[in-house]
Amino acid sequence: MHNESSTVGSGLVLTEDECLRHRGPLAQRGKFTLTDTSLTFNPSGRIERLGGAAFQVDFGSIHRICVSGWLEQRLEVYAGAEVYTFSFPE
């Protein structure tokens, strides 16, 4: 990941990078953006963008964050009943 010093909406961008969002056996390419108030995922693919696969999670709704895996580490974000899983290819 790399640091940024810009703003998105009302939040200061802390970092953004290309990632894979994992949902079961499938993964979507996209951009992971972390601001001082939320995290956002915007898919790279046109069909996914049209299908509403982008989302934003406010920090207030996150109740757990962990890193899992050994060979391929994944960031898991738990918010409400949802689990958002990301990996960051090098």
Protein backbone atom coordinates (compact mmCIF):
# COMPACT_ATOMS: atom_id res chain seq x y z
CA MET A 1 0.00 0.00 0.00
CA HIS A 2 1.12 3.53 -0.50
CA ASN A 3 0.27 6.70 1.36
CA GLU A 4 -1.69 9.55 -0.14
CA SER A 5 -2.34 13.08 1.06
CA SER A 6 -5.60 13.81 -0.74
CA THR A 7 -9.25 13.75 0.27
CA VAL A 8 -12.18 11.58 -0.79
CA GLY A 9 -15.60 12.97 0.07
CA SER A 10 -15.22 14.32 3.58
CA GLY A 11 -12.31 12.07 4.57
CA LEU A 12 -8.55 12.44 4.41
CA VAL A 13 -7.05 9.58 2.37
CA LEU A 14 -4.52 7.67 4.47
CA THR A 15 -3.73 4.99 1.91
CA GLU A 16 -5.11 3.46 -1.26
CA ASP A 17 -3.99 0.53 -3.35
CA GLU A 18 -5.12 -2.08 -5.84
CA CYS A 19 -6.54 -5.17 -4.17
CA LEU A 20 -8.64 -8.28 -4.56
CA ARG A 21 -11.92 -8.50 -2.66
CA HIS A 22 -12.67 -12.13 -1.86
CA ARG A 23 -16.22 -13.50 -1.72
CA GLY A 24 -16.14 -17.26 -1.35
CA PRO A 25 -14.16 -18.80 -4.23
CA LEU A 26 -14.41 -15.60 -6.31
CA ALA A 27 -12.30 -12.44 -6.14
CA GLN A 28 -12.86 -9.00 -7.68
CA ARG A 29 -10.08 -6.59 -8.60
CA GLY A 30 -10.52 -3.07 -7.38
CA LYS A 31 -9.22 -0.14 -5.39
CA PHE A 32 -9.09 -0.20 -1.59
CA THR A 33 -9.14 3.27 -0.04
CA LEU A 34 -8.68 3.96 3.67
CA THR A 35 -9.60 7.41 4.97
CA ASP A 36 -9.66 8.80 8.48
CA THR A 37 -13.38 7.88 8.73
CA SER A 38 -14.01 4.82 6.53
CA LEU A 39 -12.77 2.24 4.08
CA THR A 40 -14.03 2.06 0.50
CA PHE A 41 -13.84 -0.58 -2.22
CA ASN A 42 -14.38 0.35 -5.87
CA PRO A 43 -14.23 -2.56 -8.35
CA SER A 44 -12.12 -2.21 -11.49
CA GLY A 45 -14.45 -4.13 -13.80
CA ARG A 46 -17.20 -2.34 -15.70
CA ILE A 47 -19.82 -5.02 -14.99
CA GLU A 48 -19.06 -5.00 -11.26
CA ARG A 49 -19.29 -1.20 -11.16
CA LEU A 50 -22.66 -1.30 -12.92
CA GLY A 51 -23.83 -4.08 -10.62
CA GLY A 52 -23.25 -2.03 -7.49
CA ALA A 53 -20.26 -3.94 -6.11
CA ALA A 54 -18.68 -0.77 -4.70
CA PHE A 55 -19.16 -0.11 -1.00
CA GLN A 56 -18.05 2.05 1.91
CA VAL A 57 -17.78 0.95 5.54
CA ASP A 58 -17.72 3.61 8.24
CA PHE A 59 -15.34 2.96 11.13
CA GLY A 60 -18.22 3.18 13.61
CA SER A 61 -19.72 -0.04 12.22
CA ILE A 62 -16.47 -2.05 12.30
CA HIS A 63 -16.16 -4.32 15.32
CA ARG A 64 -13.14 -6.46 14.36
CA ILE A 65 -10.17 -6.37 11.98
CA CYS A 66 -7.67 -9.20 11.58
CA VAL A 67 -5.08 -10.62 9.21
CA SER A 68 -5.38 -14.30 8.30
CA GLY A 69 -3.41 -16.73 6.17
CA TRP A 70 0.22 -17.61 5.91
CA LEU A 71 1.25 -17.81 2.26
CA GLU A 72 -1.39 -15.37 1.11
CA GLN A 73 -2.32 -12.99 3.88
CA ARG A 74 -5.81 -11.53 3.85
CA LEU A 75 -7.25 -8.55 5.66
CA GLU A 76 -10.64 -9.37 7.21
CA VAL A 77 -12.95 -6.54 8.25
CA TYR A 78 -16.03 -7.39 10.33
CA ALA A 79 -18.83 -4.82 10.20
CA GLY A 80 -22.31 -5.70 11.40
CA ALA A 81 -23.18 -9.12 9.95
CA GLU A 82 -20.76 -8.68 7.00
CA VAL A 83 -17.18 -9.87 6.65
CA TYR A 84 -15.14 -8.08 3.98
CA THR A 85 -11.98 -9.93 2.92
CA PHE A 86 -9.14 -8.36 0.93
CA SER A 87 -5.70 -9.36 -0.33
CA PHE A 88 -3.06 -7.07 -1.76
CA PRO A 89 -0.99 -8.66 -4.56
CA GLU A 90 2.53 -7.33 -4.81
